[in-house]
């Protein structure tokens, strides 16, 4: 995945997947109300019900195949540890999608909804584990981008585990798609900032480019981006922190906009005070009707 496409394609997929889940969770909560809401870890499409699960399976199998065969070299004899680590992440996605699809086809999704949530959490747990103990030494600016990615993966793992444990919690269910969408956007940002020379921060160079300076050959760095001075690296890391904050702000604005869009369909439970008020009103109306009936009866007796 150490290429622009290796970050762009998974990032775009995660961003759309997070947005799809965010839309459906907010709509489901507003339509069903807090009392009947329950967290879900995949959502059916209007006409092709299981399209999301099939797409996850297809994308995971394709990614494992390309990583195992070392695309684009297609070397059948050499297995790189970092490629196998990335393939292991997609293998957990296959386990999740296969079990969720099997439960749906056998009509036992409600029975094993908690296990489906645990399998969803295992995907992010595996991602966090392999990012933290990666065989590739991400140093410098690239290491900082991967550290911020680990923070997002930890939030995804925690929210998935919380949603599996407390399916009625709207907050836990909402944080999960936000973090997944955040992961996708951050992958896209990493692809541009680390693997496209035109977007590399000022004062840093991409190791994919070669340049000549006084007839000296450029040095190949272990990181995707090498900064010329500590000051340039500090400035590039500060820029990454700002991008992290601004990206999260944009996703939260989208979340608030979706909540406001479906706010008119919110089903709120009746509170105790309103119930008591309605009961008193009914009692008052019954008493007034009784008085009106008794009044004509007494006049007739006279």
C-alpha atoms as a PDB file:
ATOM      1  CA  UNK A   1       0.000   0.000   0.000  1.00  0.00           C
ATOM      2  CA  UNK A   2       3.041   2.248  -0.195  1.00  0.00           C
ATOM      3  CA  UNK A   3       1.772   3.999  -3.325  1.00  0.00           C
ATOM      4  CA  UNK A   4      -0.680   6.737  -4.176  1.00  0.00           C
ATOM      5  CA  UNK A   5      -3.269   4.261  -5.482  1.00  0.00           C
ATOM      6  CA  UNK A   6      -2.688   2.078  -2.437  1.00  0.00           C
ATOM      7  CA  UNK A   7      -3.957   4.954  -0.293  1.00  0.00           C
ATOM      8  CA  UNK A   8      -6.433   6.554  -2.711  1.00  0.00           C
ATOM      9  CA  UNK A   9      -8.592   3.511  -3.526  1.00  0.00           C
ATOM     10  CA  UNK A  10      -9.031   2.241   0.081  1.00  0.00           C
ATOM     11  CA  UNK A  11      -9.479   5.811   1.292  1.00  0.00           C
ATOM     12  CA  UNK A  12     -12.223   6.565  -1.203  1.00  0.00           C
ATOM     13  CA  UNK A  13     -13.966   3.281  -0.353  1.00  0.00           C
ATOM     14  CA  UNK A  14     -13.839   3.948   3.402  1.00  0.00           C
ATOM     15  CA  UNK A  15     -15.044   7.524   2.969  1.00  0.00           C
ATOM     16  CA  UNK A  16     -18.112   6.445   0.994  1.00  0.00           C
ATOM     17  CA  UNK A  17     -18.770   3.527   3.360  1.00  0.00           C
ATOM     18  CA  UNK A  18     -18.642   5.815   6.390  1.00  0.00           C
ATOM     19  CA  UNK A  19     -20.927   8.359   4.732  1.00  0.00           C
ATOM     20  CA  UNK A  20     -23.400   5.602   3.781  1.00  0.00           C
ATOM     21  CA  UNK A  21     -23.503   4.305   7.364  1.00  0.00           C
ATOM     22  CA  UNK A  22     -23.728   7.810   8.803  1.00  0.00           C
ATOM     23  CA  UNK A  23     -26.734   8.606   6.607  1.00  0.00           C
ATOM     24  CA  UNK A  24     -28.542   5.373   7.489  1.00  0.00           C
ATOM     25  CA  UNK A  25     -27.866   5.512  11.228  1.00  0.00           C
ATOM     26  CA  UNK A  26     -29.171   9.065  11.575  1.00  0.00           C
ATOM     27  CA  UNK A  27     -32.210   8.274   9.423  1.00  0.00           C
ATOM     28  CA  UNK A  28     -32.938   5.096  11.363  1.00  0.00           C
ATOM     29  CA  UNK A  29     -32.673   6.872  14.703  1.00  0.00           C
ATOM     30  CA  UNK A  30     -34.968   9.697  13.612  1.00  0.00           C
ATOM     31  CA  UNK A  31     -37.575   7.402  12.069  1.00  0.00           C
ATOM     32  CA  UNK A  32     -37.647   4.746  14.796  1.00  0.00           C
ATOM     33  CA  UNK A  33     -37.025   6.958  17.812  1.00  0.00           C
ATOM     34  CA  UNK A  34     -34.780   6.366  20.823  1.00  0.00           C
ATOM     35  CA  UNK A  35     -36.934   3.552  22.219  1.00  0.00           C
ATOM     36  CA  UNK A  36     -36.755   1.201  19.222  1.00  0.00           C
ATOM     37  CA  UNK A  37     -33.376   2.237  17.766  1.00  0.00           C
ATOM     38  CA  UNK A  38     -30.731  -0.476  17.471  1.00  0.00           C
ATOM     39  CA  UNK A  39     -27.238  -0.201  16.008  1.00  0.00           C
ATOM     40  CA  UNK A  40     -26.454  -2.017  12.774  1.00  0.00           C
ATOM     41  CA  UNK A  41     -23.106  -2.816  11.197  1.00  0.00           C
ATOM     42  CA  UNK A  42     -24.268  -2.956   7.588  1.00  0.00           C
ATOM     43  CA  UNK A  43     -27.263  -1.526   5.741  1.00  0.00           C
ATOM     44  CA  UNK A  44     -29.254  -2.882   2.776  1.00  0.00           C
ATOM     45  CA  UNK A  45     -29.435  -1.007  -0.492  1.00  0.00           C
ATOM     46  CA  UNK A  46     -32.892  -0.175  -1.897  1.00  0.00           C
ATOM     47  CA  UNK A  47     -32.941  -2.790  -4.687  1.00  0.00           C
ATOM     48  CA  UNK A  48     -29.830  -4.898  -4.086  1.00  0.00           C
ATOM     49  CA  UNK A  49     -30.182  -5.681  -0.400  1.00  0.00           C
ATOM     50  CA  UNK A  50     -26.808  -7.355   0.199  1.00  0.00           C
ATOM     51  CA  UNK A  51     -24.783  -5.131  -2.134  1.00  0.00           C
ATOM     52  CA  UNK A  52     -22.680  -3.650   0.687  1.00  0.00           C
ATOM     53  CA  UNK A  53     -21.548  -7.070   1.923  1.00  0.00           C
ATOM     54  CA  UNK A  54     -20.794  -8.293  -1.607  1.00  0.00           C
ATOM     55  CA  UNK A  55     -18.748  -5.171  -2.328  1.00  0.00           C
ATOM     56  CA  UNK A  56     -16.756  -5.660   0.880  1.00  0.00           C
ATOM     57  CA  UNK A  57     -16.060  -9.270  -0.084  1.00  0.00           C
ATOM     58  CA  UNK A  58     -15.070  -8.391  -3.648  1.00  0.00           C
ATOM     59  CA  UNK A  59     -12.807  -5.523  -2.631  1.00  0.00           C
ATOM     60  CA  UNK A  60     -11.168  -7.598   0.131  1.00  0.00           C
ATOM     61  CA  UNK A  61     -10.487 -10.606  -2.123  1.00  0.00           C
ATOM     62  CA  UNK A  62      -9.096  -8.324  -4.835  1.00  0.00           C
ATOM     63  CA  UNK A  63      -6.838  -6.496  -2.377  1.00  0.00           C
ATOM     64  CA  UNK A  64      -5.506  -9.730  -0.876  1.00  0.00           C
ATOM     65  CA  UNK A  65      -4.755 -11.071  -4.356  1.00  0.00           C
ATOM     66  CA  UNK A  66      -2.917  -7.933  -5.451  1.00  0.00           C
ATOM     67  CA  UNK A  67      -0.962  -7.709  -2.198  1.00  0.00           C
ATOM     68  CA  UNK A  68       0.016 -11.381  -2.249  1.00  0.00           C
ATOM     69  CA  UNK A  69       1.167 -11.201  -5.858  1.00  0.00           C
ATOM     70  CA  UNK A  70       3.049  -7.941  -5.156  1.00  0.00           C
ATOM     71  CA  UNK A  71       1.199  -5.810  -7.704  1.00  0.00           C
ATOM     72  CA  UNK A  72       2.380  -4.361 -10.114  1.00  0.00           C
ATOM     73  CA  UNK A  73       5.497  -6.564 -10.127  1.00  0.00           C
ATOM     74  CA  UNK A  74       3.553  -9.852  -9.851  1.00  0.00           C
ATOM     75  CA  UNK A  75       6.440 -11.607  -8.166  1.00  0.00           C
ATOM     76  CA  UNK A  76       5.271 -15.139  -7.322  1.00  0.00           C
ATOM     77  CA  UNK A  77       8.375 -16.114  -5.346  1.00  0.00           C
ATOM     78  CA  UNK A  78       8.845 -13.177  -2.984  1.00  0.00           C
ATOM     79  CA  UNK A  79       6.413 -12.441  -0.156  1.00  0.00           C
ATOM     80  CA  UNK A  80       6.897  -9.078   1.502  1.00  0.00           C
ATOM     81  CA  UNK A  81       5.972  -8.881   5.194  1.00  0.00           C
ATOM     82  CA  UNK A  82       4.269  -5.499   4.849  1.00  0.00           C
ATOM     83  CA  UNK A  83       2.060  -6.803   2.030  1.00  0.00           C
ATOM     84  CA  UNK A  84       1.027  -9.788   4.143  1.00  0.00           C
ATOM     85  CA  UNK A  85       0.251  -7.464   7.049  1.00  0.00           C
ATOM     86  CA  UNK A  86      -2.038  -5.362   4.885  1.00  0.00           C
ATOM     87  CA  UNK A  87      -3.634  -8.518   3.487  1.00  0.00           C
ATOM     88  CA  UNK A  88      -4.373  -9.682   7.049  1.00  0.00           C
ATOM     89  CA  UNK A  89      -6.503  -6.566   7.598  1.00  0.00           C
ATOM     90  CA  UNK A  90      -8.636  -7.423   4.572  1.00  0.00           C
ATOM     91  CA  UNK A  91      -8.902 -11.058   5.738  1.00  0.00           C
ATOM     92  CA  UNK A  92     -10.705  -9.865   8.878  1.00  0.00           C
ATOM     93  CA  UNK A  93     -13.076  -7.918   6.637  1.00  0.00           C
ATOM     94  CA  UNK A  94     -13.840 -11.143   4.771  1.00  0.00           C
ATOM     95  CA  UNK A  95     -14.633 -12.933   8.046  1.00  0.00           C
ATOM     96  CA  UNK A  96     -16.994 -10.136   9.068  1.00  0.00           C
ATOM     97  CA  UNK A  97     -18.772  -9.917   5.702  1.00  0.00           C
ATOM     98  CA  UNK A  98     -19.123 -13.715   5.302  1.00  0.00           C
ATOM     99  CA  UNK A  99     -20.623 -14.197   8.758  1.00  0.00           C
ATOM    100  CA  UNK A 100     -22.969 -11.223   8.395  1.00  0.00           C
ATOM    101  CA  UNK A 101     -24.140 -12.520   5.006  1.00  0.00           C
ATOM    102  CA  UNK A 102     -24.625 -16.050   6.358  1.00  0.00           C
ATOM    103  CA  UNK A 103     -26.678 -14.747   9.288  1.00  0.00           C
ATOM    104  CA  UNK A 104     -28.806 -12.675   6.945  1.00  0.00           C
ATOM    105  CA  UNK A 105     -29.498 -15.585   4.600  1.00  0.00           C
ATOM    106  CA  UNK A 106     -30.364 -17.915   7.497  1.00  0.00           C
ATOM    107  CA  UNK A 107     -32.560 -15.292   9.189  1.00  0.00           C
ATOM    108  CA  UNK A 108     -30.541 -15.233  12.407  1.00  0.00           C
ATOM    109  CA  UNK A 109     -29.083 -11.723  12.198  1.00  0.00           C
ATOM    110  CA  UNK A 110     -30.933 -10.565  15.297  1.00  0.00           C
ATOM    111  CA  UNK A 111     -29.711 -13.581  17.260  1.00  0.00           C
ATOM    112  CA  UNK A 112     -26.026 -12.982  16.485  1.00  0.00           C
ATOM    113  CA  UNK A 113     -26.047  -9.200  16.096  1.00  0.00           C
ATOM    114  CA  UNK A 114     -23.633  -8.897  19.018  1.00  0.00           C
ATOM    115  CA  UNK A 115     -21.151 -11.279  17.394  1.00  0.00           C
ATOM    116  CA  UNK A 116     -21.392  -9.354  14.127  1.00  0.00           C
ATOM    117  CA  UNK A 117     -20.445  -6.237  16.080  1.00  0.00           C
ATOM    118  CA  UNK A 118     -17.516  -8.030  17.703  1.00  0.00           C
ATOM    119  CA  UNK A 119     -16.268  -9.129  14.270  1.00  0.00           C
ATOM    120  CA  UNK A 120     -16.573  -5.540  13.093  1.00  0.00           C
ATOM    121  CA  UNK A 121     -14.482  -4.421  16.081  1.00  0.00           C
ATOM    122  CA  UNK A 122     -11.896  -7.115  15.289  1.00  0.00           C
ATOM    123  CA  UNK A 123     -11.295  -5.494  11.886  1.00  0.00           C
ATOM    124  CA  UNK A 124     -10.227  -2.241  13.529  1.00  0.00           C
ATOM    125  CA  UNK A 125      -8.341  -4.080  16.275  1.00  0.00           C
ATOM    126  CA  UNK A 126      -6.296  -5.886  13.646  1.00  0.00           C
ATOM    127  CA  UNK A 127      -5.717  -2.628  11.807  1.00  0.00           C
ATOM    128  CA  UNK A 128      -4.548  -0.891  14.975  1.00  0.00           C
ATOM    129  CA  UNK A 129      -2.285  -3.811  15.897  1.00  0.00           C
ATOM    130  CA  UNK A 130      -0.588  -3.951  12.507  1.00  0.00           C
ATOM    131  CA  UNK A 131      -0.231  -0.175  12.251  1.00  0.00           C
ATOM    132  CA  UNK A 132       1.457  -0.042  15.632  1.00  0.00           C
ATOM    133  CA  UNK A 133       3.758  -3.038  15.045  1.00  0.00           C
ATOM    134  CA  UNK A 134       4.337  -2.469  11.339  1.00  0.00           C
ATOM    135  CA  UNK A 135       7.343  -4.194   9.786  1.00  0.00           C
ATOM    136  CA  UNK A 136       8.005  -1.042   7.758  1.00  0.00           C
ATOM    137  CA  UNK A 137       9.631   1.674   9.813  1.00  0.00           C
ATOM    138  CA  UNK A 138       7.524   4.773   9.217  1.00  0.00           C
ATOM    139  CA  UNK A 139       9.820   7.540  10.362  1.00  0.00           C
ATOM    140  CA  UNK A 140       9.725  11.293  10.125  1.00  0.00           C
ATOM    141  CA  UNK A 141       6.694  12.939   8.577  1.00  0.00           C
ATOM    142  CA  UNK A 142       5.224   9.654   7.320  1.00  0.00           C
ATOM    143  CA  UNK A 143       5.453   8.244  10.838  1.00  0.00           C
ATOM    144  CA  UNK A 144       3.516  11.236  12.171  1.00  0.00           C
ATOM    145  CA  UNK A 145       0.738  10.681   9.616  1.00  0.00           C
ATOM    146  CA  UNK A 146       0.560   7.012  10.612  1.00  0.00           C
ATOM    147  CA  UNK A 147       0.454   7.912  14.300  1.00  0.00           C
ATOM    148  CA  UNK A 148      -2.584  10.117  13.685  1.00  0.00           C
ATOM    149  CA  UNK A 149      -4.119   7.254  11.700  1.00  0.00           C
ATOM    150  CA  UNK A 150      -3.680   4.997  14.725  1.00  0.00           C
ATOM    151  CA  UNK A 151      -5.699   7.466  16.814  1.00  0.00           C
ATOM    152  CA  UNK A 152      -8.594   7.217  14.368  1.00  0.00           C
ATOM    153  CA  UNK A 153      -8.326   3.413  14.254  1.00  0.00           C
ATOM    154  CA  UNK A 154      -8.467   3.277  18.053  1.00  0.00           C
ATOM    155  CA  UNK A 155     -11.676   5.352  18.040  1.00  0.00           C
ATOM    156  CA  UNK A 156     -13.169   3.042  15.407  1.00  0.00           C
ATOM    157  CA  UNK A 157     -12.295  -0.031  17.464  1.00  0.00           C
ATOM    158  CA  UNK A 158     -13.684   1.460  20.689  1.00  0.00           C
ATOM    159  CA  UNK A 159     -16.934   2.646  19.091  1.00  0.00           C
ATOM    160  CA  UNK A 160     -17.491  -0.690  17.310  1.00  0.00           C
ATOM    161  CA  UNK A 161     -17.007  -2.552  20.584  1.00  0.00           C
ATOM    162  CA  UNK A 162     -19.322  -0.111  22.382  1.00  0.00           C
ATOM    163  CA  UNK A 163     -21.999  -0.492  19.690  1.00  0.00           C
ATOM    164  CA  UNK A 164     -21.809  -4.280  19.996  1.00  0.00           C
ATOM    165  CA  UNK A 165     -22.124  -4.066  23.787  1.00  0.00           C
ATOM    166  CA  UNK A 166     -24.761  -1.312  23.883  1.00  0.00           C
ATOM    167  CA  UNK A 167     -26.769  -1.527  20.639  1.00  0.00           C
ATOM    168  CA  UNK A 168     -29.330   1.000  21.914  1.00  0.00           C
ATOM    169  CA  UNK A 169     -26.698   3.722  22.281  1.00  0.00           C
ATOM    170  CA  UNK A 170     -27.055   6.256  19.490  1.00  0.00           C
ATOM    171  CA  UNK A 171     -23.803   7.991  20.471  1.00  0.00           C
ATOM    172  CA  UNK A 172     -21.710   4.835  20.089  1.00  0.00           C
ATOM    173  CA  UNK A 173     -23.425   3.981  16.808  1.00  0.00           C
ATOM    174  CA  UNK A 174     -22.804   7.499  15.502  1.00  0.00           C
ATOM    175  CA  UNK A 175     -19.101   7.654  16.374  1.00  0.00           C
ATOM    176  CA  UNK A 176     -18.357   4.503  14.370  1.00  0.00           C
ATOM    177  CA  UNK A 177     -19.311   5.809  10.880  1.00  0.00           C
ATOM    178  CA  UNK A 178     -17.748   9.180  11.698  1.00  0.00           C
ATOM    179  CA  UNK A 179     -14.438   7.478  12.458  1.00  0.00           C
ATOM    180  CA  UNK A 180     -14.676   5.234   9.382  1.00  0.00           C
ATOM    181  CA  UNK A 181     -15.335   8.246   7.187  1.00  0.00           C
ATOM    182  CA  UNK A 182     -12.466  10.036   8.920  1.00  0.00           C
ATOM    183  CA  UNK A 183     -10.166   7.097   8.176  1.00  0.00           C
ATOM    184  CA  UNK A 184     -11.071   7.216   4.506  1.00  0.00           C
ATOM    185  CA  UNK A 185     -10.471  10.955   4.253  1.00  0.00           C
ATOM    186  CA  UNK A 186      -7.179  10.620   6.106  1.00  0.00           C
ATOM    187  CA  UNK A 187      -6.044   7.855   3.729  1.00  0.00           C
ATOM    188  CA  UNK A 188      -6.835  10.161   0.823  1.00  0.00           C
ATOM    189  CA  UNK A 189      -4.906  12.984   2.476  1.00  0.00           C
ATOM    190  CA  UNK A 190      -1.920  10.718   3.100  1.00  0.00           C
ATOM    191  CA  UNK A 191      -1.946   9.599  -0.524  1.00  0.00           C
ATOM    192  CA  UNK A 192      -1.668  13.172  -1.770  1.00  0.00           C
ATOM    193  CA  UNK A 193       0.647  14.593   0.891  1.00  0.00           C
ATOM    194  CA  UNK A 194       3.129  11.685   0.946  1.00  0.00           C
ATOM    195  CA  UNK A 195       3.047  10.130  -2.508  1.00  0.00           C
ATOM    196  CA  UNK A 196       2.394  13.022  -4.890  1.00  0.00           C
ATOM    197  CA  UNK A 197       5.527  15.205  -5.167  1.00  0.00           C
ATOM    198  CA  UNK A 198       3.496  18.315  -6.014  1.00  0.00           C
ATOM    199  CA  UNK A 199       1.691  18.146  -2.648  1.00  0.00           C
ATOM    200  CA  UNK A 200       4.728  17.444  -0.448  1.00  0.00           C
ATOM    201  CA  UNK A 201       5.065  20.200   2.206  1.00  0.00           C
ATOM    202  CA  UNK A 202       7.542  22.985   1.621  1.00  0.00           C
ATOM    203  CA  UNK A 203      11.026  22.144   2.780  1.00  0.00           C
ATOM    204  CA  UNK A 204      10.511  18.398   2.230  1.00  0.00           C
ATOM    205  CA  UNK A 205      11.129  16.154  -0.762  1.00  0.00           C
ATOM    206  CA  UNK A 206       9.659  12.877  -1.893  1.00  0.00           C
ATOM    207  CA  UNK A 207      12.029   9.929  -2.101  1.00  0.00           C
ATOM    208  CA  UNK A 208      10.339   8.979  -5.370  1.00  0.00           C
ATOM    209  CA  UNK A 209      12.064  11.871  -7.085  1.00  0.00           C
ATOM    210  CA  UNK A 210      15.723  12.183  -7.888  1.00  0.00           C
ATOM    211  CA  UNK A 211      17.638  15.393  -8.136  1.00  0.00           C
ATOM    212  CA  UNK A 212      21.193  16.436  -8.650  1.00  0.00           C
ATOM    213  CA  UNK A 213      22.884  18.976  -6.451  1.00  0.00           C
ATOM    214  CA  UNK A 214      26.508  19.781  -7.301  1.00  0.00           C
ATOM    215  CA  UNK A 215      26.837  16.440  -9.120  1.00  0.00           C
ATOM    216  CA  UNK A 216      25.863  14.525  -5.976  1.00  0.00           C
ATOM    217  CA  UNK A 217      23.334  11.744  -6.121  1.00  0.00           C
ATOM    218  CA  UNK A 218      20.275  12.004  -3.939  1.00  0.00           C
ATOM    219  CA  UNK A 219      20.007   9.836  -0.856  1.00  0.00           C
ATOM    220  CA  UNK A 220      17.245   7.233  -0.663  1.00  0.00           C
ATOM    221  CA  UNK A 221      15.312   7.722   2.553  1.00  0.00           C
ATOM    222  CA  UNK A 222      13.387   5.091   4.539  1.00  0.00           C
ATOM    223  CA  UNK A 223      10.385   7.399   4.725  1.00  0.00           C
ATOM    224  CA  UNK A 224       8.150   8.385   1.814  1.00  0.00           C
ATOM    225  CA  UNK A 225       9.009  12.028   2.496  1.00  0.00           C
ATOM    226  CA  UNK A 226      12.279  13.443   3.832  1.00  0.00           C
ATOM    227  CA  UNK A 227      12.542  16.946   5.225  1.00  0.00           C
ATOM    228  CA  UNK A 228      15.642  19.035   4.681  1.00  0.00           C
ATOM    229  CA  UNK A 229      15.828  20.416   8.233  1.00  0.00           C
ATOM    230  CA  UNK A 230      14.231  19.885  11.670  1.00  0.00           C
ATOM    231  CA  UNK A 231      12.388  23.162  11.221  1.00  0.00           C
ATOM    232  CA  UNK A 232      10.866  22.017   7.936  1.00  0.00           C
ATOM    233  CA  UNK A 233       9.813  18.716   9.526  1.00  0.00           C
ATOM    234  CA  UNK A 234       8.220  20.518  12.481  1.00  0.00           C
ATOM    235  CA  UNK A 235       6.331  22.793  10.079  1.00  0.00           C
ATOM    236  CA  UNK A 236       5.149  19.781   8.029  1.00  0.00           C
ATOM    237  CA  UNK A 237       3.928  18.000  11.182  1.00  0.00           C
ATOM    238  CA  UNK A 238       2.081  21.129  12.287  1.00  0.00           C
ATOM    239  CA  UNK A 239       0.416  21.229   8.870  1.00  0.00           C
ATOM    240  CA  UNK A 240      -0.617  17.584   9.321  1.00  0.00           C
ATOM    241  CA  UNK A 241      -2.139  18.446  12.718  1.00  0.00           C
ATOM    242  CA  UNK A 242      -4.141  21.269  11.151  1.00  0.00           C
ATOM    243  CA  UNK A 243      -5.345  18.985   8.382  1.00  0.00           C
ATOM    244  CA  UNK A 244      -6.401  16.453  11.023  1.00  0.00           C
ATOM    245  CA  UNK A 245      -8.406  19.075  12.912  1.00  0.00           C
ATOM    246  CA  UNK A 246      -9.988  20.668   9.839  1.00  0.00           C
ATOM    247  CA  UNK A 247     -10.956  17.307   8.365  1.00  0.00           C
ATOM    248  CA  UNK A 248     -12.666  16.271  11.586  1.00  0.00           C
ATOM    249  CA  UNK A 249     -14.490  19.614  11.696  1.00  0.00           C
ATOM    250  CA  UNK A 250     -15.783  19.116   8.139  1.00  0.00           C
ATOM    251  CA  UNK A 251     -17.065  15.612   8.959  1.00  0.00           C
ATOM    252  CA  UNK A 252     -18.802  16.882  12.101  1.00  0.00           C
ATOM    253  CA  UNK A 253     -20.470  19.647  10.070  1.00  0.00           C
ATOM    254  CA  UNK A 254     -21.774  16.994   7.655  1.00  0.00           C
ATOM    255  CA  UNK A 255     -23.049  14.977  10.620  1.00  0.00           C
ATOM    256  CA  UNK A 256     -24.881  17.962  12.085  1.00  0.00           C
ATOM    257  CA  UNK A 257     -26.387  18.783   8.681  1.00  0.00           C
ATOM    258  CA  UNK A 258     -27.736  15.233   8.327  1.00  0.00           C
ATOM    259  CA  UNK A 259     -29.195  15.373  11.845  1.00  0.00           C
ATOM    260  CA  UNK A 260     -30.962  18.631  11.035  1.00  0.00           C
ATOM    261  CA  UNK A 261     -32.215  17.198   7.748  1.00  0.00           C
ATOM    262  CA  UNK A 262     -33.971  14.302   9.511  1.00  0.00           C
ATOM    263  CA  UNK A 263     -34.912  16.244  12.650  1.00  0.00           C
ATOM    264  CA  UNK A 264     -38.491  16.686  11.441  1.00  0.00           C
ATOM    265  CA  UNK A 265     -38.994  12.918  11.500  1.00  0.00           C
ATOM    266  CA  UNK A 266     -37.822  12.385  15.070  1.00  0.00           C
ATOM    267  CA  UNK A 267     -40.098  10.146  17.133  1.00  0.00           C
ATOM    268  CA  UNK A 268     -39.766  11.193  20.771  1.00  0.00           C
ATOM    269  CA  UNK A 269     -41.175   9.124  23.637  1.00  0.00           C
ATOM    270  CA  UNK A 270     -43.962  10.669  25.692  1.00  0.00           C
ATOM    271  CA  UNK A 271     -42.688  12.020  28.954  1.00  0.00           C
ATOM    272  CA  UNK A 272     -44.308  11.355  32.270  1.00  0.00           C
ATOM    273  CA  UNK A 273     -45.424  14.958  32.718  1.00  0.00           C
ATOM    274  CA  UNK A 274     -47.150  15.072  29.352  1.00  0.00           C
ATOM    275  CA  UNK A 275     -48.900  11.765  30.104  1.00  0.00           C
ATOM    276  CA  UNK A 276     -50.149  13.028  33.433  1.00  0.00           C
ATOM    277  CA  UNK A 277     -51.321  16.254  31.798  1.00  0.00           C
ATOM    278  CA  UNK A 278     -53.315  14.313  29.206  1.00  0.00           C
ATOM    279  CA  UNK A 279     -54.843  12.139  31.953  1.00  0.00           C
ATOM    280  CA  UNK A 280     -55.903  15.219  33.928  1.00  0.00           C
ATOM    281  CA  UNK A 281     -57.421  16.752  30.816  1.00  0.00           C
ATOM    282  CA  UNK A 282     -59.428  13.598  30.180  1.00  0.00           C
ATOM    283  CA  UNK A 283     -60.614  13.529  33.777  1.00  0.00           C
ATOM    284  CA  UNK A 284     -61.637  17.189  33.546  1.00  0.00           C
ATOM    285  CA  UNK A 285     -63.570  16.594  30.353  1.00  0.00           C
ATOM    286  CA  UNK A 286     -65.328  13.554  31.893  1.00  0.00           C
ATOM    287  CA  UNK A 287     -66.334  15.577  34.938  1.00  0.00           C
ATOM    288  CA  UNK A 288     -67.675  18.435  32.836  1.00  0.00           C
ATOM    289  CA  UNK A 289     -69.695  15.990  30.760  1.00  0.00           C
ATOM    290  CA  UNK A 290     -71.129  14.424  33.924  1.00  0.00           C
ATOM    291  CA  UNK A 291     -72.180  17.837  35.261  1.00  0.00           C
ATOM    292  CA  UNK A 292     -73.874  18.686  31.967  1.00  0.00           C
ATOM    293  CA  UNK A 293     -75.794  15.394  32.052  1.00  0.00           C
ATOM    294  CA  UNK A 294     -76.884  15.826  35.665  1.00  0.00           C
ATOM    295  CA  UNK A 295     -78.058  19.405  35.147  1.00  0.00           C
ATOM    296  CA  UNK A 296     -80.808  18.595  32.604  1.00  0.00           C
ATOM    297  CA  UNK A 297     -81.841  15.583  34.665  1.00  0.00           C
ATOM    298  CA  UNK A 298     -82.431  17.733  37.764  1.00  0.00           C
ATOM    299  CA  UNK A 299     -84.400  20.310  35.768  1.00  0.00           C
ATOM    300  CA  UNK A 300     -86.675  17.555  34.446  1.00  0.00           C
ATOM    301  CA  UNK A 301     -87.377  16.337  37.979  1.00  0.00           C
ATOM    302  CA  UNK A 302     -88.504  19.824  38.983  1.00  0.00           C
END
